[in-house]
Amino acid sequence: MFLIVGLGNPEKKYEKTFHNMGFLAAGDVAEFLHVKFKKKECEASVAEAFLGGEKVIVARPVTYMNASGRAVKQLVAKYKVSPEELIVIYDDYDLPKGHVRVRPSGSAGTHNGMRSVIAELGFSDFARVRIGIRDPEVDIPLIDYVLSEVRKEDYALFTDACKRAAEAAVSLAKGESFELVMTRYNG
């Protein structure tokens, strides 16, 4: 069993913002697994799949970013997911735009959604797939930046990054080692 959660904001107005990279990547995971988000439970939109005989839950919290932990906590409890079976995909301002970084654990960094997830779960030893969003050419406050739309000239870069992040999450769910997945996708 694996739970793959893509963090973002549920309203249409946030669809193409930097803070929705996790949502977009979760959509790519669902597409790779040939499933759709058909049900709502645990304050999340959920798709169910099977991968190599193992159940995989793909989720997008509908709680807004800063309260993402509520949905993740409920999903972890409902599906009895261990820390080793949880993968969270999200945008990361600490990484250059378009970069993907896979880690087996870590801190929340500057990300309020991840702060919420860690606070609600009470542990931080779960996989993260981070999508870099920092653009050194843009100098505006972080809160304004993450809620701004991706520039048209960068959209293909971020679409590709989301697909790579989704592939990395699926690779982990298939049981590939962190070392192999990090070698393939980090950078």
N, C-alpha and C. Protein backbone atom coordinates (compact mmCIF):
# COMPACT_ATOMS: atom_id res chain seq x y z
N MET A 1 0.85 -1.19 0.00
CA MET A 1 0.00 0.00 0.00
C MET A 1 0.88 1.24 0.00
N PHE A 2 0.53 2.19 -0.86
CA PHE A 2 1.19 3.49 -0.85
C PHE A 2 0.15 4.58 -0.92
N LEU A 3 0.45 5.68 -0.26
CA LEU A 3 -0.36 6.89 -0.33
C LEU A 3 0.52 7.97 -0.92
N ILE A 4 0.13 8.49 -2.10
CA ILE A 4 0.85 9.57 -2.77
C ILE A 4 -0.03 10.81 -2.70
N VAL A 5 0.47 11.85 -2.04
CA VAL A 5 -0.31 13.07 -1.85
C VAL A 5 0.39 14.22 -2.57
N GLY A 6 -0.35 14.93 -3.40
CA GLY A 6 0.15 16.13 -4.06
C GLY A 6 -0.46 17.35 -3.39
N LEU A 7 0.37 18.24 -2.86
CA LEU A 7 -0.13 19.41 -2.15
C LEU A 7 -0.45 20.54 -3.12
N GLY A 8 -1.49 21.30 -2.78
CA GLY A 8 -1.90 22.44 -3.59
C GLY A 8 -3.10 23.13 -2.98
N ASN A 9 -3.75 23.94 -3.78
CA ASN A 9 -4.96 24.65 -3.37
C ASN A 9 -6.09 24.26 -4.30
N PRO A 10 -7.29 24.01 -3.75
CA PRO A 10 -8.36 23.42 -4.55
C PRO A 10 -9.09 24.33 -5.54
N GLU A 11 -9.04 25.63 -5.38
CA GLU A 11 -9.82 26.50 -6.26
C GLU A 11 -9.18 26.66 -7.64
N LYS A 12 -10.04 26.84 -8.63
CA LYS A 12 -9.59 26.99 -10.02
C LYS A 12 -8.61 28.16 -10.18
N LYS A 13 -8.80 29.22 -9.41
CA LYS A 13 -7.92 30.40 -9.55
C LYS A 13 -6.47 30.09 -9.18
N TYR A 14 -6.22 28.98 -8.47
CA TYR A 14 -4.85 28.60 -8.10
C TYR A 14 -4.25 27.56 -9.04
N GLU A 15 -5.02 27.13 -10.01
CA GLU A 15 -4.65 26.00 -10.86
C GLU A 15 -3.26 26.11 -11.47
N LYS A 16 -2.88 27.28 -11.97
CA LYS A 16 -1.60 27.44 -12.66
C LYS A 16 -0.57 28.20 -11.83
N THR A 17 -0.73 28.14 -10.50
CA THR A 17 0.22 28.83 -9.62
C THR A 17 1.34 27.89 -9.21
N PHE A 18 2.42 28.47 -8.72
CA PHE A 18 3.56 27.69 -8.27
C PHE A 18 3.17 26.74 -7.13
N HIS A 19 2.27 27.20 -6.27
CA HIS A 19 1.87 26.39 -5.11
C HIS A 19 1.04 25.18 -5.50
N ASN A 20 0.70 25.03 -6.77
CA ASN A 20 -0.11 23.88 -7.20
C ASN A 20 0.69 22.82 -7.93
N MET A 21 2.00 22.90 -7.87
CA MET A 21 2.83 21.90 -8.54
C MET A 21 2.54 20.49 -8.01
N GLY A 22 2.29 20.36 -6.73
CA GLY A 22 1.96 19.05 -6.16
C GLY A 22 0.67 18.49 -6.71
N PHE A 23 -0.35 19.36 -6.86
CA PHE A 23 -1.63 18.95 -7.45
C PHE A 23 -1.42 18.46 -8.89
N LEU A 24 -0.64 19.25 -9.65
CA LEU A 24 -0.40 18.88 -11.05
C LEU A 24 0.33 17.55 -11.14
N ALA A 25 1.34 17.36 -10.29
CA ALA A 25 2.09 16.11 -10.30
C ALA A 25 1.21 14.94 -9.87
N ALA A 26 0.32 15.15 -8.90
CA ALA A 26 -0.61 14.08 -8.48
C ALA A 26 -1.52 13.71 -9.65
N GLY A 27 -1.92 14.71 -10.44
CA GLY A 27 -2.71 14.44 -11.64
C GLY A 27 -1.93 13.58 -12.63
N ASP A 28 -0.62 13.86 -12.75
CA ASP A 28 0.23 13.05 -13.63
C ASP A 28 0.37 11.63 -13.09
N VAL A 29 0.47 11.48 -11.76
CA VAL A 29 0.54 10.13 -11.16
C VAL A 29 -0.73 9.36 -11.53
N ALA A 30 -1.88 9.99 -11.35
CA ALA A 30 -3.16 9.34 -11.68
C ALA A 30 -3.20 8.95 -13.16
N GLU A 31 -2.70 9.84 -14.00
CA GLU A 31 -2.67 9.56 -15.44
C GLU A 31 -1.77 8.36 -15.74
N PHE A 32 -0.58 8.32 -15.13
CA PHE A 32 0.34 7.19 -15.34
C PHE A 32 -0.30 5.88 -14.90
N LEU A 33 -1.11 5.94 -13.83
CA LEU A 33 -1.73 4.73 -13.28
C LEU A 33 -3.10 4.46 -13.89
N HIS A 34 -3.52 5.30 -14.84
CA HIS A 34 -4.78 5.15 -15.57
C HIS A 34 -6.01 5.17 -14.65
N VAL A 35 -6.01 6.13 -13.72
CA VAL A 35 -7.15 6.30 -12.81
C VAL A 35 -7.54 7.77 -12.77
N LYS A 36 -8.73 8.02 -12.27
CA LYS A 36 -9.26 9.38 -12.14
C LYS A 36 -9.61 9.66 -10.68
N PHE A 37 -9.61 10.93 -10.33
CA PHE A 37 -10.03 11.35 -9.00
C PHE A 37 -11.56 11.30 -8.97
N LYS A 38 -12.09 10.22 -8.42
CA LYS A 38 -13.53 10.00 -8.48
C LYS A 38 -14.25 10.19 -7.16
N LYS A 39 -13.52 10.17 -6.05
CA LYS A 39 -14.25 10.31 -4.79
C LYS A 39 -13.59 11.33 -3.89
N LYS A 40 -14.40 11.81 -2.95
CA LYS A 40 -13.93 12.75 -1.95
C LYS A 40 -14.03 12.07 -0.60
N GLU A 41 -12.93 12.05 0.12
CA GLU A 41 -12.92 11.50 1.47
C GLU A 41 -11.76 12.12 2.23
N CYS A 42 -11.88 12.17 3.53
CA CYS A 42 -10.78 12.65 4.37
C CYS A 42 -10.30 14.04 3.92
N GLU A 43 -11.22 14.90 3.53
CA GLU A 43 -10.90 16.25 3.07
C GLU A 43 -9.92 16.23 1.89
N ALA A 44 -10.13 15.26 0.99
CA ALA A 44 -9.26 15.14 -0.18
C ALA A 44 -10.03 14.55 -1.35
N SER A 45 -9.55 14.87 -2.54
CA SER A 45 -10.01 14.23 -3.76
C SER A 45 -9.08 13.03 -3.96
N VAL A 46 -9.68 11.85 -4.20
CA VAL A 46 -8.91 10.61 -4.16
C VAL A 46 -9.10 9.76 -5.41
N ALA A 47 -8.01 9.15 -5.85
CA ALA A 47 -8.03 8.15 -6.93
C ALA A 47 -7.38 6.89 -6.38
N GLU A 48 -7.93 5.73 -6.75
CA GLU A 48 -7.38 4.46 -6.29
C GLU A 48 -6.86 3.66 -7.47
N ALA A 49 -5.69 3.05 -7.28
CA ALA A 49 -5.08 2.24 -8.35
C ALA A 49 -4.40 1.03 -7.72
N PHE A 50 -3.97 0.14 -8.59
CA PHE A 50 -3.14 -0.98 -8.17
C PHE A 50 -1.88 -0.96 -9.01
N LEU A 51 -0.76 -1.20 -8.37
CA LEU A 51 0.53 -1.17 -9.02
C LEU A 51 1.30 -2.40 -8.53
N GLY A 52 1.53 -3.34 -9.42
CA GLY A 52 2.21 -4.57 -9.02
C GLY A 52 1.48 -5.32 -7.94
N GLY A 53 0.15 -5.27 -7.96
CA GLY A 53 -0.66 -5.95 -6.97
C GLY A 53 -0.85 -5.18 -5.67
N GLU A 54 -0.19 -4.05 -5.53
CA GLU A 54 -0.31 -3.23 -4.32
C GLU A 54 -1.27 -2.06 -4.57
N LYS A 55 -2.08 -1.76 -3.58
CA LYS A 55 -2.99 -0.63 -3.69
C LYS A 55 -2.21 0.68 -3.56
N VAL A 56 -2.57 1.64 -4.41
CA VAL A 56 -1.97 2.98 -4.36
C VAL A 56 -3.12 3.98 -4.31
N ILE A 57 -3.09 4.84 -3.31
CA ILE A 57 -4.05 5.93 -3.18
C ILE A 57 -3.34 7.21 -3.60
N VAL A 58 -3.93 7.93 -4.54
CA VAL A 58 -3.40 9.22 -4.98
C VAL A 58 -4.39 10.27 -4.48
N ALA A 59 -3.88 11.29 -3.78
CA ALA A 59 -4.79 12.26 -3.16
C ALA A 59 -4.33 13.70 -3.35
N ARG A 60 -5.35 14.57 -3.41
CA ARG A 60 -5.14 16.02 -3.44
C ARG A 60 -5.99 16.61 -2.31
N PRO A 61 -5.38 17.08 -1.23
CA PRO A 61 -6.17 17.69 -0.16
C PRO A 61 -6.97 18.89 -0.66
N VAL A 62 -8.18 19.05 -0.15
CA VAL A 62 -9.01 20.20 -0.52
C VAL A 62 -9.11 21.18 0.65
N THR A 63 -8.15 21.13 1.53
CA THR A 63 -8.14 21.94 2.74
C THR A 63 -7.42 23.26 2.58
N TYR A 64 -6.86 23.54 1.43
CA TYR A 64 -5.93 24.63 1.17
C TYR A 64 -4.58 24.25 1.74
N MET A 65 -3.57 24.84 1.16
CA MET A 65 -2.19 24.45 1.44
C MET A 65 -1.83 24.44 2.92
N ASN A 66 -2.12 25.53 3.61
CA ASN A 66 -1.65 25.66 4.99
C ASN A 66 -2.32 24.71 5.97
N ALA A 67 -3.36 24.00 5.55
CA ALA A 67 -4.03 23.02 6.41
C ALA A 67 -3.95 21.62 5.79
N SER A 68 -3.01 21.41 4.89
CA SER A 68 -2.88 20.12 4.20
C SER A 68 -2.72 18.95 5.17
N GLY A 69 -2.10 19.19 6.28
CA GLY A 69 -1.84 18.14 7.24
C GLY A 69 -3.10 17.45 7.75
N ARG A 70 -4.19 18.20 7.85
CA ARG A 70 -5.45 17.58 8.31
C ARG A 70 -5.86 16.45 7.40
N ALA A 71 -5.85 16.71 6.10
CA ALA A 71 -6.25 15.68 5.14
C ALA A 71 -5.27 14.52 5.14
N VAL A 72 -3.97 14.83 5.16
CA VAL A 72 -2.97 13.76 5.14
C VAL A 72 -3.12 12.88 6.38
N LYS A 73 -3.31 13.49 7.53
CA LYS A 73 -3.48 12.72 8.78
C LYS A 73 -4.69 11.78 8.69
N GLN A 74 -5.80 12.30 8.16
CA GLN A 74 -7.01 11.48 8.02
C GLN A 74 -6.79 10.32 7.05
N LEU A 75 -6.12 10.59 5.94
CA LEU A 75 -5.84 9.54 4.94
C LEU A 75 -4.91 8.47 5.51
N VAL A 76 -3.88 8.90 6.21
CA VAL A 76 -2.93 7.97 6.83
C VAL A 76 -3.67 7.06 7.81
N ALA A 77 -4.57 7.65 8.61
CA ALA A 77 -5.33 6.86 9.59
C ALA A 77 -6.30 5.91 8.90
N LYS A 78 -7.04 6.41 7.92
CA LYS A 78 -8.05 5.58 7.24
C LYS A 78 -7.41 4.37 6.56
N TYR A 79 -6.31 4.60 5.85
CA TYR A 79 -5.68 3.53 5.08
C TYR A 79 -4.56 2.81 5.84
N LYS A 80 -4.36 3.21 7.10
CA LYS A 80 -3.34 2.58 7.96
C LYS A 80 -1.98 2.56 7.27
N VAL A 81 -1.58 3.73 6.81
CA VAL A 81 -0.34 3.89 6.07
C VAL A 81 0.81 4.15 7.04
N SER A 82 1.89 3.43 6.86
CA SER A 82 3.09 3.66 7.68
C SER A 82 3.90 4.79 7.05
N PRO A 83 4.84 5.38 7.80
CA PRO A 83 5.67 6.45 7.22
C PRO A 83 6.38 6.01 5.94
N GLU A 84 6.77 4.73 5.86
CA GLU A 84 7.48 4.22 4.68
C GLU A 84 6.57 4.13 3.46
N GLU A 85 5.25 4.21 3.67
CA GLU A 85 4.29 4.08 2.57
C GLU A 85 3.70 5.42 2.14
N LEU A 86 4.20 6.51 2.70
CA LEU A 86 3.70 7.85 2.39
C LEU A 86 4.70 8.60 1.52
N ILE A 87 4.19 9.20 0.43
CA ILE A 87 4.99 10.03 -0.47
C ILE A 87 4.24 11.34 -0.66
N VAL A 88 4.89 12.46 -0.38
CA VAL A 88 4.27 13.78 -0.54
C VAL A 88 5.01 14.55 -1.63
N ILE A 89 4.26 15.08 -2.58
CA ILE A 89 4.82 15.86 -3.69
C ILE A 89 4.40 17.31 -3.49
N TYR A 90 5.36 18.24 -3.60
CA TYR A 90 5.03 19.65 -3.39
C TYR A 90 6.06 20.56 -4.04
N ASP A 91 5.68 21.82 -4.17
CA ASP A 91 6.57 22.85 -4.71
C ASP A 91 7.59 23.22 -3.64
N ASP A 92 8.79 23.62 -4.08
CA ASP A 92 9.82 24.00 -3.11
C ASP A 92 10.57 25.22 -3.62
N TYR A 93 10.42 26.31 -2.90
CA TYR A 93 11.09 27.56 -3.25
C TYR A 93 12.60 27.47 -3.04
N ASP A 94 13.04 26.52 -2.24
CA ASP A 94 14.46 26.39 -1.95
C ASP A 94 15.24 25.71 -3.08
N LEU A 95 14.53 25.23 -4.11
CA LEU A 95 15.17 24.59 -5.26
C LEU A 95 14.98 25.46 -6.51
N PRO A 96 15.96 25.47 -7.41
CA PRO A 96 15.80 26.22 -8.66
C PRO A 96 14.62 25.70 -9.48
N LYS A 97 14.01 26.60 -10.22
CA LYS A 97 12.82 26.24 -11.00
C LYS A 97 13.09 25.06 -11.93
N GLY A 98 12.12 24.14 -11.93
CA GLY A 98 12.20 22.99 -12.80
C GLY A 98 12.99 21.81 -12.27
N HIS A 99 13.71 21.99 -11.18
CA HIS A 99 14.47 20.88 -10.60
C HIS A 99 13.54 19.98 -9.80
N VAL A 100 13.86 18.70 -9.77
CA VAL A 100 13.12 17.73 -8.95
C VAL A 100 14.10 17.15 -7.95
N ARG A 101 13.67 17.01 -6.72
CA ARG A 101 14.53 16.43 -5.69
C ARG A 101 13.73 15.44 -4.88
N VAL A 102 14.23 14.21 -4.77
CA VAL A 102 13.60 13.14 -4.01
C VAL A 102 14.41 12.94 -2.73
N ARG A 103 13.72 12.84 -1.60
CA ARG A 103 14.37 12.61 -0.32
C ARG A 103 13.54 11.63 0.51
N PRO A 104 14.21 10.79 1.31
CA PRO A 104 13.47 9.84 2.14
C PRO A 104 12.87 10.48 3.40
N SER A 105 13.32 11.68 3.76
CA SER A 105 12.78 12.39 4.93
C SER A 105 13.34 13.81 4.90
N GLY A 106 13.05 14.58 5.94
CA GLY A 106 13.58 15.94 6.00
C GLY A 106 12.68 16.88 6.76
N SER A 107 13.03 18.15 6.68
CA SER A 107 12.25 19.17 7.38
C SER A 107 11.23 19.79 6.41
N ALA A 108 10.46 20.72 6.92
CA ALA A 108 9.47 21.41 6.09
C ALA A 108 10.10 22.54 5.29
N GLY A 109 11.28 22.98 5.69
CA GLY A 109 11.90 24.12 5.03
C GLY A 109 11.01 25.34 5.15
N THR A 110 10.82 26.06 4.06
CA THR A 110 9.99 27.28 4.07
C THR A 110 8.54 26.98 3.70
N HIS A 111 8.17 25.72 3.61
CA HIS A 111 6.87 25.34 3.07
C HIS A 111 5.81 25.15 4.16
N ASN A 112 4.80 26.03 4.18
CA ASN A 112 3.77 25.95 5.21
C ASN A 112 2.89 24.70 5.10
N GLY A 113 2.67 24.23 3.89
CA GLY A 113 1.90 23.00 3.72
C GLY A 113 2.61 21.82 4.36
N MET A 114 3.91 21.74 4.16
CA MET A 114 4.67 20.66 4.78
C MET A 114 4.76 20.83 6.29
N ARG A 115 4.82 22.06 6.76
CA ARG A 115 4.80 22.29 8.21
C ARG A 115 3.51 21.72 8.79
N SER A 116 2.41 21.94 8.09
CA SER A 116 1.12 21.42 8.53
C SER A 116 1.11 19.89 8.54
N VAL A 117 1.64 19.29 7.48
CA VAL A 117 1.68 17.82 7.38
C VAL A 117 2.50 17.23 8.53
N ILE A 118 3.69 17.76 8.74
CA ILE A 118 4.56 17.24 9.80
C ILE A 118 3.93 17.46 11.18
N ALA A 119 3.35 18.63 11.41
CA ALA A 119 2.73 18.92 12.71
C ALA A 119 1.56 17.98 12.98
N GLU A 120 0.72 17.75 11.97
CA GLU A 120 -0.44 16.87 12.16
C GLU A 120 -0.03 15.41 12.34
N LEU A 121 0.95 14.96 11.57
CA LEU A 121 1.37 13.56 11.65
C LEU A 121 2.21 13.29 12.88
N GLY A 122 2.99 14.28 13.31
CA GLY A 122 3.88 14.09 14.45
C GLY A 122 5.18 13.36 14.08
N PHE A 123 5.45 13.21 12.80
CA PHE A 123 6.71 12.62 12.34
C PHE A 123 7.06 13.21 10.98
N SER A 124 8.34 13.09 10.62
CA SER A 124 8.79 13.66 9.35
C SER A 124 9.56 12.66 8.50
N ASP A 125 9.55 11.40 8.89
CA ASP A 125 10.32 10.40 8.16
C ASP A 125 9.48 9.71 7.09
N PHE A 126 9.07 10.50 6.10
CA PHE A 126 8.33 10.00 4.95
C PHE A 126 8.93 10.62 3.70
N ALA A 127 8.70 9.97 2.57
CA ALA A 127 9.31 10.41 1.31
C ALA A 127 8.71 11.72 0.83
N ARG A 128 9.57 12.53 0.24
CA ARG A 128 9.15 13.79 -0.37
C ARG A 128 9.69 13.84 -1.79
N VAL A 129 8.87 14.34 -2.67
CA VAL A 129 9.29 14.64 -4.03
C VAL A 129 9.02 16.13 -4.20
N ARG A 130 10.09 16.90 -4.30
CA ARG A 130 9.97 18.35 -4.34
C ARG A 130 10.21 18.87 -5.74
N ILE A 131 9.43 19.86 -6.13
CA ILE A 131 9.54 20.48 -7.44
C ILE A 131 10.02 21.92 -7.24
N GLY A 132 11.21 22.22 -7.72
CA GLY A 132 11.79 23.54 -7.54
C GLY A 132 11.03 24.62 -8.29
N ILE A 133 10.82 25.76 -7.60
CA ILE A 133 10.07 26.86 -8.22
C ILE A 133 10.82 28.20 -8.18
N ARG A 134 11.98 28.26 -7.52
CA ARG A 134 12.66 29.55 -7.34
C ARG A 134 13.18 30.08 -8.66
N ASP A 135 12.85 31.32 -8.95
CA ASP A 135 13.33 32.01 -10.14
C ASP A 135 14.11 33.23 -9.67
N PRO A 136 15.43 33.25 -9.84
CA PRO A 136 16.24 34.37 -9.34
C PRO A 136 15.91 35.70 -10.01
N GLU A 137 15.19 35.66 -11.13
CA GLU A 137 14.83 36.90 -11.83
C GLU A 137 13.62 37.58 -11.21
N VAL A 138 12.90 36.89 -10.34
CA VAL A 138 11.68 37.43 -9.74
C VAL A 138 11.97 37.78 -8.29
N ASP A 139 11.74 39.04 -7.94
CA ASP A 139 12.03 39.51 -6.58
C ASP A 139 10.77 40.10 -5.96
N ILE A 140 9.89 39.21 -5.47
CA ILE A 140 8.68 39.63 -4.77
C ILE A 140 8.57 38.79 -3.51
N PRO A 141 7.76 39.22 -2.53
CA PRO A 141 7.63 38.43 -1.31
C PRO A 141 7.20 36.98 -1.61
N LEU A 142 7.71 36.06 -0.82
CA LEU A 142 7.47 34.63 -1.03
C LEU A 142 5.99 34.30 -1.15
N ILE A 143 5.16 34.83 -0.27
CA ILE A 143 3.71 34.51 -0.29
C ILE A 143 3.08 34.95 -1.61
N ASP A 144 3.51 36.09 -2.13
CA ASP A 144 2.99 36.56 -3.41
C ASP A 144 3.51 35.69 -4.55
N TYR A 145 4.76 35.29 -4.45
CA TYR A 145 5.38 34.49 -5.50
C TYR A 145 4.69 33.12 -5.63
N VAL A 146 4.53 32.40 -4.52
CA VAL A 146 3.98 31.04 -4.62
C VAL A 146 2.54 31.03 -5.10
N LEU A 147 1.83 32.13 -4.90
CA LEU A 147 0.43 32.21 -5.34
C LEU A 147 0.29 32.89 -6.71
N SER A 148 1.42 33.22 -7.32
CA SER A 148 1.36 33.83 -8.66
C SER A 148 1.37 32.73 -9.71
N GLU A 149 0.86 33.06 -10.89
CA GLU A 149 0.82 32.09 -11.99
C GLU A 149 2.19 31.91 -12.60
N VAL A 150 2.46 30.69 -13.01
CA VAL A 150 3.69 30.38 -13.73
C VAL A 150 3.68 31.18 -15.03
N ARG A 151 4.81 31.78 -15.35
CA ARG A 151 4.90 32.56 -16.59
C ARG A 151 4.77 31.62 -17.79
N LYS A 152 4.13 32.13 -18.85
CA LYS A 152 3.90 31.30 -20.04
C LYS A 152 5.17 30.69 -20.58
N GLU A 153 6.26 31.46 -20.57
CA GLU A 153 7.52 30.94 -21.12
C GLU A 153 8.13 29.82 -20.25
N ASP A 154 7.66 29.68 -19.01
CA ASP A 154 8.16 28.63 -18.12
C ASP A 154 7.20 27.46 -17.98
N TYR A 155 6.03 27.55 -18.58
CA TYR A 155 5.01 26.53 -18.36
C TYR A 155 5.47 25.14 -18.80
N ALA A 156 6.13 25.02 -19.94
CA ALA A 156 6.61 23.71 -20.41
C ALA A 156 7.64 23.14 -19.44
N LEU A 157 8.51 23.98 -18.89
CA LEU A 157 9.51 23.54 -17.92
C LEU A 157 8.83 22.92 -16.69
N PHE A 158 7.79 23.60 -16.18
CA PHE A 158 7.11 23.10 -14.98
C PHE A 158 6.22 21.89 -15.29
N THR A 159 5.65 21.86 -16.46
CA THR A 159 4.86 20.68 -16.85
C THR A 159 5.77 19.45 -16.88
N ASP A 160 6.96 19.62 -17.44
CA ASP A 160 7.93 18.52 -17.48
C ASP A 160 8.39 18.14 -16.07
N ALA A 161 8.63 19.13 -15.22
CA ALA A 161 9.07 18.86 -13.84
C ALA A 161 8.00 18.08 -13.08
N CYS A 162 6.74 18.44 -13.28
CA CYS A 162 5.64 17.72 -12.62
C CYS A 162 5.58 16.27 -13.10
N LYS A 163 5.77 16.05 -14.37
CA LYS A 163 5.78 14.68 -14.91
C LYS A 163 6.94 13.88 -14.33
N ARG A 164 8.12 14.49 -14.25
CA ARG A 164 9.27 13.79 -13.66
C ARG A 164 9.04 13.49 -12.19
N ALA A 165 8.43 14.44 -11.46
CA ALA A 165 8.11 14.21 -10.04
C ALA A 165 7.13 13.06 -9.90
N ALA A 166 6.13 13.01 -10.77
CA ALA A 166 5.15 11.93 -10.75
C ALA A 166 5.82 10.59 -11.04
N GLU A 167 6.70 10.58 -12.03
CA GLU A 167 7.43 9.34 -12.35
C GLU A 167 8.27 8.88 -11.16
N ALA A 168 8.89 9.82 -10.47
CA ALA A 168 9.69 9.48 -9.29
C ALA A 168 8.82 8.87 -8.20
N ALA A 169 7.64 9.46 -7.97
CA ALA A 169 6.73 8.93 -6.95
C ALA A 169 6.26 7.52 -7.32
N VAL A 170 5.93 7.32 -8.58
CA VAL A 170 5.49 6.00 -9.04
C VAL A 170 6.64 5.00 -8.91
N SER A 171 7.85 5.42 -9.20
CA SER A 171 9.01 4.53 -9.06
C SER A 171 9.17 4.08 -7.61
N LEU A 172 9.01 5.01 -6.67
CA LEU A 172 9.09 4.65 -5.25
C LEU A 172 7.97 3.68 -4.87
N ALA A 173 6.76 3.94 -5.38
CA ALA A 173 5.62 3.06 -5.09
C ALA A 173 5.81 1.66 -5.69
N LYS A 174 6.59 1.58 -6.75
CA LYS A 174 6.90 0.27 -7.35
C LYS A 174 7.90 -0.51 -6.51
N GLY A 175 8.51 0.18 -5.54
CA GLY A 175 9.49 -0.48 -4.69
C GLY A 175 10.93 -0.25 -5.08
N GLU A 176 11.17 0.66 -6.02
CA GLU A 176 12.55 0.98 -6.38
C GLU A 176 13.23 1.66 -5.19
N SER A 177 14.53 1.45 -5.05
CA SER A 177 15.26 2.00 -3.91
C SER A 177 15.36 3.53 -4.02
N PHE A 178 15.47 4.17 -2.85
CA PHE A 178 15.64 5.62 -2.83
C PHE A 178 16.90 6.01 -3.58
N GLU A 179 17.96 5.25 -3.40
CA GLU A 179 19.22 5.59 -4.06
C GLU A 179 19.06 5.63 -5.57
N LEU A 180 18.39 4.62 -6.11
CA LEU A 180 18.18 4.56 -7.57
C LEU A 180 17.28 5.71 -8.04
N VAL A 181 16.20 5.95 -7.33
CA VAL A 181 15.26 7.00 -7.72
C VAL A 181 15.92 8.38 -7.58
N MET A 182 16.67 8.59 -6.51
CA MET A 182 17.36 9.87 -6.33
C MET A 182 18.39 10.09 -7.44
N THR A 183 19.13 9.05 -7.80
CA THR A 183 20.12 9.15 -8.88
C THR A 183 19.45 9.53 -10.20
N ARG A 184 18.30 8.93 -10.45
CA ARG A 184 17.61 9.14 -11.72
C ARG A 184 16.95 10.52 -11.80
N TYR A 185 16.37 11.01 -10.69
CA TYR A 185 15.53 12.21 -10.77
C TYR A 185 16.09 13.47 -10.12
N ASN A 186 17.01 13.35 -9.18
CA ASN A 186 17.50 14.57 -8.51
C ASN A 186 18.36 15.40 -9.45
N GLY A 187 18.09 16.69 -9.46
CA GLY A 187 18.91 17.59 -10.28
C GLY A 187 18.10 18.35 -11.28
